[in-house]
Protein backbone atom coordinates (compact mmCIF):
# COMPACT_ATOMS: atom_id res chain seq x y z
CA MET A 1 -13.95 4.98 -2.84
CA LEU A 2 -13.64 1.82 -5.41
CA PRO A 3 -16.46 -0.40 -6.19
CA ILE A 4 -15.64 -2.96 -4.05
CA GLU A 5 -15.43 -0.87 -1.35
CA LYS A 6 -18.90 0.39 -1.64
CA ASP A 7 -19.94 -3.26 -1.70
CA ILE A 8 -17.78 -4.07 1.47
CA THR A 9 -18.77 -1.03 3.33
CA PHE A 10 -22.89 -2.21 1.82
CA ALA A 11 -22.91 -5.52 3.35
CA PHE A 12 -20.56 -4.68 6.37
CA PRO A 13 -21.36 -1.81 7.61
CA TYR A 14 -20.60 -2.81 10.99
CA LEU A 15 -17.08 -3.61 10.25
CA ILE A 16 -15.55 -0.26 9.37
CA GLY A 17 -15.46 0.67 13.05
CA ILE A 18 -13.16 -1.78 13.58
CA PHE A 19 -10.36 -0.58 11.43
CA THR A 20 -8.02 1.85 12.99
CA GLY A 21 -7.47 3.39 9.82
CA GLY A 22 -11.45 3.70 8.91
CA GLU A 23 -12.61 3.40 5.18
CA SER A 24 -9.15 3.76 3.44
CA LEU A 25 -7.74 0.39 5.13
CA LEU A 26 -9.62 -1.06 2.22
CA SER A 27 -8.60 1.06 -0.27
CA GLU A 28 -4.40 0.22 1.34
CA VAL A 29 -5.26 -3.28 1.13
CA LEU A 30 -6.74 -3.63 -2.15
CA ALA A 31 -3.54 -1.36 -3.30
CA ASP A 32 -1.04 -3.91 -1.44
CA ILE A 33 -2.94 -6.50 -3.28
CA LYS A 34 -2.05 -5.42 -6.87
CA ASN A 35 1.07 -3.41 -5.55
CA THR A 36 -0.48 -0.06 -7.34
CA ARG A 37 -2.64 2.87 -6.22
CA PRO A 38 -6.13 2.35 -5.61
CA GLU A 39 -7.45 4.97 -8.53
CA ASP A 40 -5.43 2.74 -10.99
CA ILE A 41 -6.83 -0.99 -9.43
CA ASP A 42 -9.68 -0.86 -12.46
CA LYS A 43 -7.25 0.38 -14.74
CA GLU A 44 -5.23 -2.85 -14.75
CA ILE A 45 -7.97 -4.96 -14.55
CA LEU A 46 -9.89 -4.40 -17.06
CA ARG A 47 -7.21 -2.73 -19.60
CA ASP A 48 -8.63 -0.98 -22.90
CA ILE A 49 -11.08 -3.16 -24.12
CA LYS A 50 -11.50 -1.57 -27.76
CA ASN A 51 -7.78 -2.64 -28.04
CA THR A 52 -8.67 -6.02 -27.35
CA ARG A 53 -9.24 -8.72 -30.68
CA PRO A 54 -12.84 -9.59 -31.09
CA GLU A 55 -12.20 -13.55 -30.07
CA ASP A 56 -10.14 -12.39 -27.29
CA ILE A 57 -12.39 -10.52 -25.20
CA ASP A 58 -14.41 -13.34 -23.47
CA LYS A 59 -11.12 -14.64 -22.17
CA GLU A 60 -10.00 -11.07 -21.35
CA ILE A 61 -13.25 -10.85 -18.91
CA LEU A 62 -13.46 -14.24 -17.94
CA ARG A 63 -9.32 -13.37 -16.73
CA ALA A 64 -10.73 -9.66 -15.42
CA ALA A 65 -13.65 -11.37 -13.17
CA MET A 66 -10.92 -14.12 -11.68
CA ILE A 67 -8.64 -11.41 -10.77
CA ALA A 68 -11.39 -9.28 -9.33
CA GLU A 69 -12.68 -12.95 -7.46
CA LEU A 70 -9.50 -13.49 -6.12
CA ASN A 71 -8.72 -10.02 -4.59
CA ALA A 72 -12.03 -10.71 -3.29
CA VAL A 73 -10.80 -13.44 -1.32
CA ASN A 74 -7.77 -11.70 -0.35
CA ILE A 75 -9.81 -8.63 0.86
CA TYR A 76 -12.30 -10.81 2.47
CA GLU A 77 -9.52 -13.13 4.74
CA GLN A 78 -7.78 -10.40 5.56
CA MET A 79 -10.27 -8.68 7.47
CA ALA A 80 -11.54 -12.21 9.15
CA ASN A 81 -7.88 -11.90 10.04
CA LEU A 82 -8.23 -8.55 11.21
CA THR A 83 -11.24 -9.09 13.38
CA LYS A 84 -11.64 -10.34 17.03
CA ASN A 85 -15.25 -10.91 16.73
CA GLU A 86 -15.91 -15.05 16.15
CA GLU A 87 -19.21 -14.68 14.53
CA ILE A 88 -17.71 -12.08 11.79
CA ARG A 89 -14.76 -13.74 11.32
CA LYS A 90 -16.51 -16.92 10.32
CA ILE A 91 -19.12 -15.43 7.90
CA LEU A 92 -15.81 -13.52 5.80
CA LEU A 93 -14.25 -16.68 5.67
CA ASP A 94 -17.68 -18.23 4.38
CA VAL A 95 -18.43 -15.68 2.12
CA ALA A 96 -13.93 -15.73 0.66
CA ARG A 97 -15.21 -19.48 0.50
CA GLU A 98 -17.94 -18.53 -2.10
CA GLU A 99 -15.35 -16.10 -3.60
CA LYS A 100 -13.48 -19.32 -4.21
CA ILE A 101 -16.32 -20.99 -6.22
CA HIS A 102 -16.36 -18.08 -8.33
CA VAL A 103 -12.90 -18.38 -9.08
CA ALA A 104 -13.29 -21.87 -9.96
CA MET A 105 -16.36 -21.46 -12.44
CA PHE A 106 -14.64 -18.75 -14.18
CA GLU A 107 -11.93 -20.65 -14.55
CA ILE A 108 -13.99 -24.09 -16.05
CA VAL A 109 -14.98 -21.39 -18.63
CA LEU A 110 -11.61 -20.28 -19.26
CA LEU A 111 -10.14 -23.48 -20.00
CA GLN A 112 -13.63 -24.19 -21.98
CA THR A 113 -12.69 -21.04 -24.61
CA ASP A 114 -8.95 -20.95 -24.38
CA SER A 115 -7.21 -23.82 -25.84
CA GLU A 116 -3.64 -22.31 -25.26
CA PHE A 117 -4.31 -22.48 -21.61
CA LEU A 118 -6.16 -25.61 -21.52
CA LYS A 119 -2.87 -27.24 -23.66
CA ILE A 120 -0.88 -25.24 -20.85
CA TYR A 121 -2.88 -26.93 -17.90
CA VAL A 122 -3.26 -30.15 -19.21
CA ASP A 123 0.31 -30.63 -19.96
CA TYR A 124 1.61 -28.99 -16.24
CA SER A 125 -1.27 -31.32 -14.27
CA LEU A 126 -0.07 -34.27 -15.79
CA ALA A 127 4.22 -33.45 -14.96
CA ARG A 128 3.03 -32.55 -11.45
CA ALA A 129 1.19 -35.94 -11.31
CA LYS A 130 4.72 -37.41 -12.64
CA ARG A 131 6.12 -36.78 -9.80
């Protein structure tokens, strides 16, 4: 079981029964999101940190955190689409919204940390504004 699956099953144990595939559906959803085998997800997100230059570690951590949060958004929104229970759907969508806030928080810090990303971000934003 992947760490995110443990979090989901701990936080929402009543959701497991609504999936026809049981717990394995969560693994399948995660695998679909990353287009890889479930056991390789953590390896892809968190690359070998010892091969990362010291000045890039914080940027790598922020990017990995953003990926994890975006994966969580996808999972919660997909589960919200699966449930027939309106209360559960609302909770899941609220949690997905919180994860989006986390993505924004990490993105702001990444913009402050990665000057190249900031330049690309600004250039793209200015180009879109000129439309």
